[in-house]
Amino acid sequence: QTQAVGKHPFEVIKAHVKDVLTVPDPVVV
């Protein structure tokens, strides 16, 4: 339940993460 990604993590994520996948809560269950 975070509101924003951290600055240091985003440096890595922006450069090296392929994609961010989202999931509806029922699939989490």
Full PDB file with SEQRES, HELIX, SHEET, SSBOND, CRYST1, ORIGX, SCALE, CONECT and MASTER records, all heavy atoms in Angstrom:
SEQRES   1 A   29  GLN THR GLN ALA VAL GLY LYS HIS PRO PHE GLU VAL ILE          
SEQRES   2 A   29  LYS ALA HIS VAL LYS ASP VAL LEU THR VAL PRO ASP PRO          
SEQRES   3 A   29  VAL VAL VAL                                                  
HELIX    1 AA1 LYS A    7  HIS A   16  1                                  10    
HELIX    2 AA2 ASP A   25  VAL A   28  1                                   4    
CRYST1    1.000    1.000    1.000  90.00  90.00  90.00 P 1           1          
ORIGX1      1.000000  0.000000  0.000000        0.00000                         
ORIGX2      0.000000  1.000000  0.000000        0.00000                         
ORIGX3      0.000000  0.000000  1.000000        0.00000                         
SCALE1      1.000000  0.000000  0.000000        0.00000                         
SCALE2      0.000000  1.000000  0.000000        0.00000                         
SCALE3      0.000000  0.000000  1.000000        0.00000                         
ATOM      1  N   GLN A   1       0.828  -1.203   0.000  1.00  0.00           N  
ATOM      2  CA  GLN A   1       0.000   0.000   0.000  1.00  0.00           C  
ATOM      3  C   GLN A   1       0.863   1.255   0.000  1.00  0.00           C  
ATOM      4  O   GLN A   1       0.569   2.237   0.670  1.00  0.00           O  
ATOM      5  CB  GLN A   1      -0.952  -0.019   1.202  1.00  0.00           C  
ATOM      6  CG  GLN A   1      -2.079  -1.036   1.048  1.00  0.00           C  
ATOM      7  CD  GLN A   1      -3.047  -1.009   2.214  1.00  0.00           C  
ATOM      8  OE1 GLN A   1      -2.714  -1.390   3.337  1.00  0.00           O  
ATOM      9  NE2 GLN A   1      -4.249  -0.547   1.960  1.00  0.00           N  
ATOM     10  N   THR A   2       1.940   1.213  -0.757  1.00  0.00           N  
ATOM     11  CA  THR A   2       2.810   2.374  -0.902  1.00  0.00           C  
ATOM     12  C   THR A   2       2.228   3.338  -1.926  1.00  0.00           C  
ATOM     13  O   THR A   2       1.502   2.935  -2.832  1.00  0.00           O  
ATOM     14  CB  THR A   2       4.214   1.931  -1.344  1.00  0.00           C  
ATOM     15  OG1 THR A   2       4.085   1.024  -2.445  1.00  0.00           O  
ATOM     16  CG2 THR A   2       4.943   1.228  -0.222  1.00  0.00           C  
ATOM     17  N   GLN A   3       2.589   4.598  -1.781  1.00  0.00           N  
ATOM     18  CA  GLN A   3       2.061   5.626  -2.687  1.00  0.00           C  
ATOM     19  C   GLN A   3       3.010   5.949  -3.826  1.00  0.00           C  
ATOM     20  O   GLN A   3       2.587   6.475  -4.860  1.00  0.00           O  
ATOM     21  CB  GLN A   3       1.751   6.889  -1.888  1.00  0.00           C  
ATOM     22  CG  GLN A   3       0.618   6.707  -0.898  1.00  0.00           C  
ATOM     23  CD  GLN A   3       0.366   7.969  -0.105  1.00  0.00           C  
ATOM     24  OE1 GLN A   3       0.850   8.119   1.018  1.00  0.00           O  
ATOM     25  NE2 GLN A   3      -0.374   8.888  -0.681  1.00  0.00           N  
ATOM     26  N   ALA A   4       4.302   5.651  -3.654  1.00  0.00           N  
ATOM     27  CA  ALA A   4       5.278   5.961  -4.701  1.00  0.00           C  
ATOM     28  C   ALA A   4       6.525   5.121  -4.496  1.00  0.00           C  
ATOM     29  O   ALA A   4       6.904   4.817  -3.361  1.00  0.00           O  
ATOM     30  CB  ALA A   4       5.640   7.447  -4.686  1.00  0.00           C  
ATOM     31  N   VAL A   5       7.164   4.769  -5.583  1.00  0.00           N  
ATOM     32  CA  VAL A   5       8.425   4.030  -5.538  1.00  0.00           C  
ATOM     33  C   VAL A   5       9.522   4.944  -4.982  1.00  0.00           C  
ATOM     34  O   VAL A   5       9.487   6.166  -5.167  1.00  0.00           O  
ATOM     35  CB  VAL A   5       8.782   3.509  -6.945  1.00  0.00           C  
ATOM     36  CG1 VAL A   5       8.921   4.640  -7.940  1.00  0.00           C  
ATOM     37  CG2 VAL A   5      10.065   2.681  -6.927  1.00  0.00           C  
ATOM     38  N   GLY A   6      10.499   4.361  -4.294  1.00  0.00           N  
ATOM     39  CA  GLY A   6      11.605   5.139  -3.758  1.00  0.00           C  
ATOM     40  C   GLY A   6      12.550   5.630  -4.839  1.00  0.00           C  
ATOM     41  O   GLY A   6      12.642   5.039  -5.921  1.00  0.00           O  
ATOM     42  N   LYS A   7      13.286   6.695  -4.555  1.00  0.00           N  
ATOM     43  CA  LYS A   7      14.191   7.291  -5.557  1.00  0.00           C  
ATOM     44  C   LYS A   7      15.344   6.359  -5.913  1.00  0.00           C  
ATOM     45  O   LYS A   7      15.655   6.170  -7.089  1.00  0.00           O  
ATOM     46  CB  LYS A   7      14.729   8.633  -5.031  1.00  0.00           C  
ATOM     47  CG  LYS A   7      13.667   9.707  -4.910  1.00  0.00           C  
ATOM     48  CD  LYS A   7      14.252  11.016  -4.383  1.00  0.00           C  
ATOM     49  CE  LYS A   7      13.173  12.077  -4.232  1.00  0.00           C  
ATOM     50  NZ  LYS A   7      13.736  13.361  -3.686  1.00  0.00           N  
ATOM     51  N   HIS A   8      15.997   5.779  -4.909  1.00  0.00           N  
ATOM     52  CA  HIS A   8      17.109   4.868  -5.184  1.00  0.00           C  
ATOM     53  C   HIS A   8      16.644   3.612  -5.917  1.00  0.00           C  
ATOM     54  O   HIS A   8      17.264   3.203  -6.908  1.00  0.00           O  
ATOM     55  CB  HIS A   8      17.844   4.508  -3.900  1.00  0.00           C  
ATOM     56  CG  HIS A   8      18.604   5.644  -3.285  1.00  0.00           C  
ATOM     57  ND1 HIS A   8      19.607   6.313  -3.958  1.00  0.00           N  
ATOM     58  CD2 HIS A   8      18.518   6.229  -2.066  1.00  0.00           C  
ATOM     59  CE1 HIS A   8      20.102   7.260  -3.177  1.00  0.00           C  
ATOM     60  NE2 HIS A   8      19.457   7.237  -2.031  1.00  0.00           N  
ATOM     61  N   PRO A   9      15.565   2.972  -5.476  1.00  0.00           N  
ATOM     62  CA  PRO A   9      15.081   1.819  -6.229  1.00  0.00           C  
ATOM     63  C   PRO A   9      14.694   2.157  -7.672  1.00  0.00           C  
ATOM     64  O   PRO A   9      14.955   1.369  -8.591  1.00  0.00           O  
ATOM     65  CB  PRO A   9      13.855   1.363  -5.435  1.00  0.00           C  
ATOM     66  CG  PRO A   9      14.143   1.783  -4.039  1.00  0.00           C  
ATOM     67  CD  PRO A   9      14.842   3.115  -4.191  1.00  0.00           C  
ATOM     68  N   PHE A  10      14.104   3.334  -7.873  1.00  0.00           N  
ATOM     69  CA  PHE A  10      13.637   3.669  -9.221  1.00  0.00           C  
ATOM     70  C   PHE A  10      14.789   3.845 -10.199  1.00  0.00           C  
ATOM     71  O   PHE A  10      14.634   3.600 -11.397  1.00  0.00           O  
ATOM     72  CB  PHE A  10      12.759   4.925  -9.197  1.00  0.00           C  
ATOM     73  CG  PHE A  10      12.023   5.153 -10.494  1.00  0.00           C  
ATOM     74  CD1 PHE A  10      11.143   4.204 -10.985  1.00  0.00           C  
ATOM     75  CD2 PHE A  10      12.208   6.322 -11.227  1.00  0.00           C  
ATOM     76  CE1 PHE A  10      10.464   4.403 -12.177  1.00  0.00           C  
ATOM     77  CE2 PHE A  10      11.542   6.535 -12.415  1.00  0.00           C  
ATOM     78  CZ  PHE A  10      10.663   5.573 -12.901  1.00  0.00           C  
ATOM     79  N   GLU A  11      15.955   4.245  -9.710  1.00  0.00           N  
ATOM     80  CA  GLU A  11      17.123   4.316 -10.596  1.00  0.00           C  
ATOM     81  C   GLU A  11      17.384   2.965 -11.254  1.00  0.00           C  
ATOM     82  O   GLU A  11      17.664   2.880 -12.449  1.00  0.00           O  
ATOM     83  CB  GLU A  11      18.372   4.736  -9.806  1.00  0.00           C  
ATOM     84  CG  GLU A  11      18.399   6.171  -9.346  1.00  0.00           C  
ATOM     85  CD  GLU A  11      19.682   6.499  -8.602  1.00  0.00           C  
ATOM     86  OE1 GLU A  11      20.349   5.551  -8.112  1.00  0.00           O  
ATOM     87  OE2 GLU A  11      20.035   7.670  -8.509  1.00  0.00           O  
ATOM     88  N   VAL A  12      17.312   1.917 -10.448  1.00  0.00           N  
ATOM     89  CA  VAL A  12      17.542   0.557 -10.950  1.00  0.00           C  
ATOM     90  C   VAL A  12      16.376   0.101 -11.810  1.00  0.00           C  
ATOM     91  O   VAL A  12      16.561  -0.441 -12.911  1.00  0.00           O  
ATOM     92  CB  VAL A  12      17.742  -0.420  -9.770  1.00  0.00           C  
ATOM     93  CG1 VAL A  12      17.831  -1.860 -10.270  1.00  0.00           C  
ATOM     94  CG2 VAL A  12      18.979  -0.053  -8.970  1.00  0.00           C  
ATOM     95  N   ILE A  13      15.170   0.305 -11.316  1.00  0.00           N  
ATOM     96  CA  ILE A  13      13.970  -0.179 -12.002  1.00  0.00           C  
ATOM     97  C   ILE A  13      13.831   0.452 -13.386  1.00  0.00           C  
ATOM     98  O   ILE A  13      13.555  -0.235 -14.376  1.00  0.00           O  
ATOM     99  CB  ILE A  13      12.728   0.088 -11.128  1.00  0.00           C  
ATOM    100  CG1 ILE A  13      12.802  -0.771  -9.865  1.00  0.00           C  
ATOM    101  CG2 ILE A  13      11.434  -0.168 -11.894  1.00  0.00           C  
ATOM    102  CD1 ILE A  13      11.879  -0.333  -8.750  1.00  0.00           C  
ATOM    103  N   LYS A  14      14.051   1.757 -13.453  1.00  0.00           N  
ATOM    104  CA  LYS A  14      13.926   2.462 -14.731  1.00  0.00           C  
ATOM    105  C   LYS A  14      14.934   1.947 -15.757  1.00  0.00           C  
ATOM    106  O   LYS A  14      14.644   1.843 -16.946  1.00  0.00           O  
ATOM    107  CB  LYS A  14      14.109   3.965 -14.507  1.00  0.00           C  
ATOM    108  CG  LYS A  14      13.941   4.812 -15.764  1.00  0.00           C  
ATOM    109  CD  LYS A  14      13.856   6.297 -15.419  1.00  0.00           C  
ATOM    110  CE  LYS A  14      15.116   6.800 -14.753  1.00  0.00           C  
ATOM    111  NZ  LYS A  14      15.104   8.278 -14.578  1.00  0.00           N  
ATOM    112  N   ALA A  15      16.116   1.579 -15.275  1.00  0.00           N  
ATOM    113  CA  ALA A  15      17.182   1.163 -16.186  1.00  0.00           C  
ATOM    114  C   ALA A  15      17.131  -0.319 -16.545  1.00  0.00           C  
ATOM    115  O   ALA A  15      17.535  -0.698 -17.648  1.00  0.00           O  
ATOM    116  CB  ALA A  15      18.543   1.490 -15.562  1.00  0.00           C  
ATOM    117  N   HIS A  16      16.640  -1.162 -15.632  1.00  0.00           N  
ATOM    118  CA  HIS A  16      16.852  -2.595 -15.817  1.00  0.00           C  
ATOM    119  C   HIS A  16      15.623  -3.497 -15.703  1.00  0.00           C  
ATOM    120  O   HIS A  16      15.726  -4.689 -15.995  1.00  0.00           O  
ATOM    121  CB  HIS A  16      17.908  -3.088 -14.818  1.00  0.00           C  
ATOM    122  CG  HIS A  16      19.242  -2.437 -14.982  1.00  0.00           C  
ATOM    123  ND1 HIS A  16      19.997  -2.562 -16.128  1.00  0.00           N  
ATOM    124  CD2 HIS A  16      19.954  -1.633 -14.139  1.00  0.00           C  
ATOM    125  CE1 HIS A  16      21.123  -1.881 -15.994  1.00  0.00           C  
ATOM    126  NE2 HIS A  16      21.118  -1.310 -14.800  1.00  0.00           N  
ATOM    127  N   VAL A  17      14.481  -2.978 -15.274  1.00  0.00           N  
ATOM    128  CA  VAL A  17      13.288  -3.821 -15.152  1.00  0.00           C  
ATOM    129  C   VAL A  17      12.517  -3.805 -16.466  1.00  0.00           C  
ATOM    130  O   VAL A  17      12.261  -2.738 -17.039  1.00  0.00           O  
ATOM    131  CB  VAL A  17      12.400  -3.358 -13.980  1.00  0.00           C  
ATOM    132  CG1 VAL A  17      11.034  -4.036 -14.015  1.00  0.00           C  
ATOM    133  CG2 VAL A  17      13.099  -3.662 -12.655  1.00  0.00           C  
ATOM    134  N   LYS A  18      12.144  -4.990 -16.932  1.00  0.00           N  
ATOM    135  CA  LYS A  18      11.453  -5.122 -18.211  1.00  0.00           C  
ATOM    136  C   LYS A  18      10.060  -4.513 -18.171  1.00  0.00           C  
ATOM    137  O   LYS A  18       9.652  -3.777 -19.067  1.00  0.00           O  
ATOM    138  CB  LYS A  18      11.356  -6.609 -18.578  1.00  0.00           C  
ATOM    139  CG  LYS A  18      10.588  -6.916 -19.854  1.00  0.00           C  
ATOM    140  CD  LYS A  18      11.347  -6.515 -21.084  1.00  0.00           C  
ATOM    141  CE  LYS A  18      10.636  -6.996 -22.346  1.00  0.00           C  
ATOM    142  NZ  LYS A  18      11.359  -6.598 -23.574  1.00  0.00           N  
ATOM    143  N   ASP A  19       9.289  -4.830 -17.117  1.00  0.00           N  
ATOM    144  CA  ASP A  19       7.913  -4.360 -17.027  1.00  0.00           C  
ATOM    145  C   ASP A  19       7.417  -4.563 -15.602  1.00  0.00           C  
ATOM    146  O   ASP A  19       8.013  -5.325 -14.823  1.00  0.00           O  
ATOM    147  CB  ASP A  19       7.027  -5.157 -18.002  1.00  0.00           C  
ATOM    148  CG  ASP A  19       5.708  -4.457 -18.328  1.00  0.00           C  
ATOM    149  OD1 ASP A  19       5.475  -3.352 -17.802  1.00  0.00           O  
ATOM    150  OD2 ASP A  19       4.915  -5.041 -19.095  1.00  0.00           O  
ATOM    151  N   VAL A  20       6.336  -3.888 -15.253  1.00  0.00           N  
ATOM    152  CA  VAL A  20       5.660  -4.108 -13.985  1.00  0.00           C  
ATOM    153  C   VAL A  20       4.267  -4.642 -14.296  1.00  0.00           C  
ATOM    154  O   VAL A  20       3.493  -4.007 -15.027  1.00  0.00           O  
ATOM    155  CB  VAL A  20       5.570  -2.812 -13.149  1.00  0.00           C  
ATOM    156  CG1 VAL A  20       4.777  -3.066 -11.864  1.00  0.00           C  
ATOM    157  CG2 VAL A  20       6.967  -2.301 -12.800  1.00  0.00           C  
ATOM    158  N   LEU A  21       3.962  -5.821 -13.766  1.00  0.00           N  
ATOM    159  CA  LEU A  21       2.699  -6.497 -14.027  1.00  0.00           C  
ATOM    160  C   LEU A  21       1.744  -6.243 -12.867  1.00  0.00           C  
ATOM    161  O   LEU A  21       2.143  -6.300 -11.704  1.00  0.00           O  
ATOM    162  CB  LEU A  21       2.939  -8.002 -14.170  1.00  0.00           C  
ATOM    163  CG  LEU A  21       4.056  -8.426 -15.135  1.00  0.00           C  
ATOM    164  CD1 LEU A  21       4.292  -9.924 -15.056  1.00  0.00           C  
ATOM    165  CD2 LEU A  21       3.719  -8.001 -16.557  1.00  0.00           C  
ATOM    166  N   THR A  22       0.486  -5.978 -13.177  1.00  0.00           N  
ATOM    167  CA  THR A  22      -0.499  -5.753 -12.114  1.00  0.00           C  
ATOM    168  C   THR A  22      -1.459  -6.927 -12.028  1.00  0.00           C  
ATOM    169  O   THR A  22      -1.688  -7.653 -12.993  1.00  0.00           O  
ATOM    170  CB  THR A  22      -1.282  -4.454 -12.336  1.00  0.00           C  
ATOM    171  OG1 THR A  22      -1.994  -4.519 -13.573  1.00  0.00           O  
ATOM    172  CG2 THR A  22      -0.351  -3.253 -12.344  1.00  0.00           C  
ATOM    173  N   VAL A  23      -2.026  -7.081 -10.835  1.00  0.00           N  
ATOM    174  CA  VAL A  23      -2.871  -8.235 -10.537  1.00  0.00           C  
ATOM    175  C   VAL A  23      -4.101  -7.794  -9.743  1.00  0.00           C  
ATOM    176  O   VAL A  23      -3.955  -7.057  -8.766  1.00  0.00           O  
ATOM    177  CB  VAL A  23      -2.101  -9.269  -9.684  1.00  0.00           C  
ATOM    178  CG1 VAL A  23      -2.885 -10.562  -9.574  1.00  0.00           C  
ATOM    179  CG2 VAL A  23      -0.718  -9.527 -10.236  1.00  0.00           C  
ATOM    180  N   PRO A  24      -5.303  -8.227 -10.125  1.00  0.00           N  
ATOM    181  CA  PRO A  24      -6.481  -7.933  -9.298  1.00  0.00           C  
ATOM    182  C   PRO A  24      -6.440  -8.752  -8.019  1.00  0.00           C  
ATOM    183  O   PRO A  24      -5.900  -9.867  -7.981  1.00  0.00           O  
ATOM    184  CB  PRO A  24      -7.649  -8.351 -10.191  1.00  0.00           C  
ATOM    185  CG  PRO A  24      -7.086  -9.349 -11.146  1.00  0.00           C  
ATOM    186  CD  PRO A  24      -5.651  -8.966 -11.357  1.00  0.00           C  
ATOM    187  N   ASP A  25      -7.024  -8.226  -6.965  1.00  0.00           N  
ATOM    188  CA  ASP A  25      -6.998  -8.904  -5.670  1.00  0.00           C  
ATOM    189  C   ASP A  25      -7.538 -10.338  -5.709  1.00  0.00           C  
ATOM    190  O   ASP A  25      -6.987 -11.218  -5.039  1.00  0.00           O  
ATOM    191  CB  ASP A  25      -7.754  -8.079  -4.631  1.00  0.00           C  
ATOM    192  CG  ASP A  25      -6.933  -6.900  -4.112  1.00  0.00           C  
ATOM    193  OD1 ASP A  25      -5.793  -6.701  -4.590  1.00  0.00           O  
ATOM    194  OD2 ASP A  25      -7.431  -6.168  -3.231  1.00  0.00           O  
ATOM    195  N   PRO A  26      -8.611 -10.636  -6.471  1.00  0.00           N  
ATOM    196  CA  PRO A  26      -9.089 -12.029  -6.491  1.00  0.00           C  
ATOM    197  C   PRO A  26      -8.045 -13.026  -6.998  1.00  0.00           C  
ATOM    198  O   PRO A  26      -8.032 -14.185  -6.556  1.00  0.00           O  
ATOM    199  CB  PRO A  26     -10.302 -11.969  -7.432  1.00  0.00           C  
ATOM    200  CG  PRO A  26     -10.803 -10.570  -7.302  1.00  0.00           C  
ATOM    201  CD  PRO A  26      -9.558  -9.733  -7.171  1.00  0.00           C  
ATOM    202  N   VAL A  27      -7.168 -12.617  -7.894  1.00  0.00           N  
ATOM    203  CA  VAL A  27      -6.127 -13.515  -8.383  1.00  0.00           C  
ATOM    204  C   VAL A  27      -5.061 -13.720  -7.309  1.00  0.00           C  
ATOM    205  O   VAL A  27      -4.457 -14.794  -7.202  1.00  0.00           O  
ATOM    206  CB  VAL A  27      -5.512 -12.987  -9.696  1.00  0.00           C  
ATOM    207  CG1 VAL A  27      -4.417 -13.927 -10.209  1.00  0.00           C  
ATOM    208  CG2 VAL A  27      -6.590 -12.838 -10.762  1.00  0.00           C  
ATOM    209  N   VAL A  28      -4.834 -12.694  -6.496  1.00  0.00           N  
ATOM    210  CA  VAL A  28      -3.922 -12.846  -5.363  1.00  0.00           C  
ATOM    211  C   VAL A  28      -4.461 -13.920  -4.412  1.00  0.00           C  
ATOM    212  O   VAL A  28      -3.710 -14.784  -3.939  1.00  0.00           O  
ATOM    213  CB  VAL A  28      -3.739 -11.516  -4.616  1.00  0.00           C  
ATOM    214  CG1 VAL A  28      -2.934 -11.718  -3.333  1.00  0.00           C  
ATOM    215  CG2 VAL A  28      -3.041 -10.491  -5.513  1.00  0.00           C  
ATOM    216  N   VAL A  29      -5.755 -13.898  -4.157  1.00  0.00           N  
ATOM    217  CA  VAL A  29      -6.371 -14.918  -3.300  1.00  0.00           C  
ATOM    218  C   VAL A  29      -6.223 -16.294  -3.940  1.00  0.00           C  
ATOM    219  O   VAL A  29      -5.944 -17.293  -3.257  1.00  0.00           O  
ATOM    220  CB  VAL A  29      -7.855 -14.585  -3.030  1.00  0.00           C  
ATOM    221  CG1 VAL A  29      -8.533 -15.721  -2.274  1.00  0.00           C  
ATOM    222  CG2 VAL A  29      -7.972 -13.289  -2.241  1.00  0.00           C  
TER     223      VAL A  29                                                      
MASTER        0    0    0    2    0    0    0    6  222    1    0    3          
END                                                                             
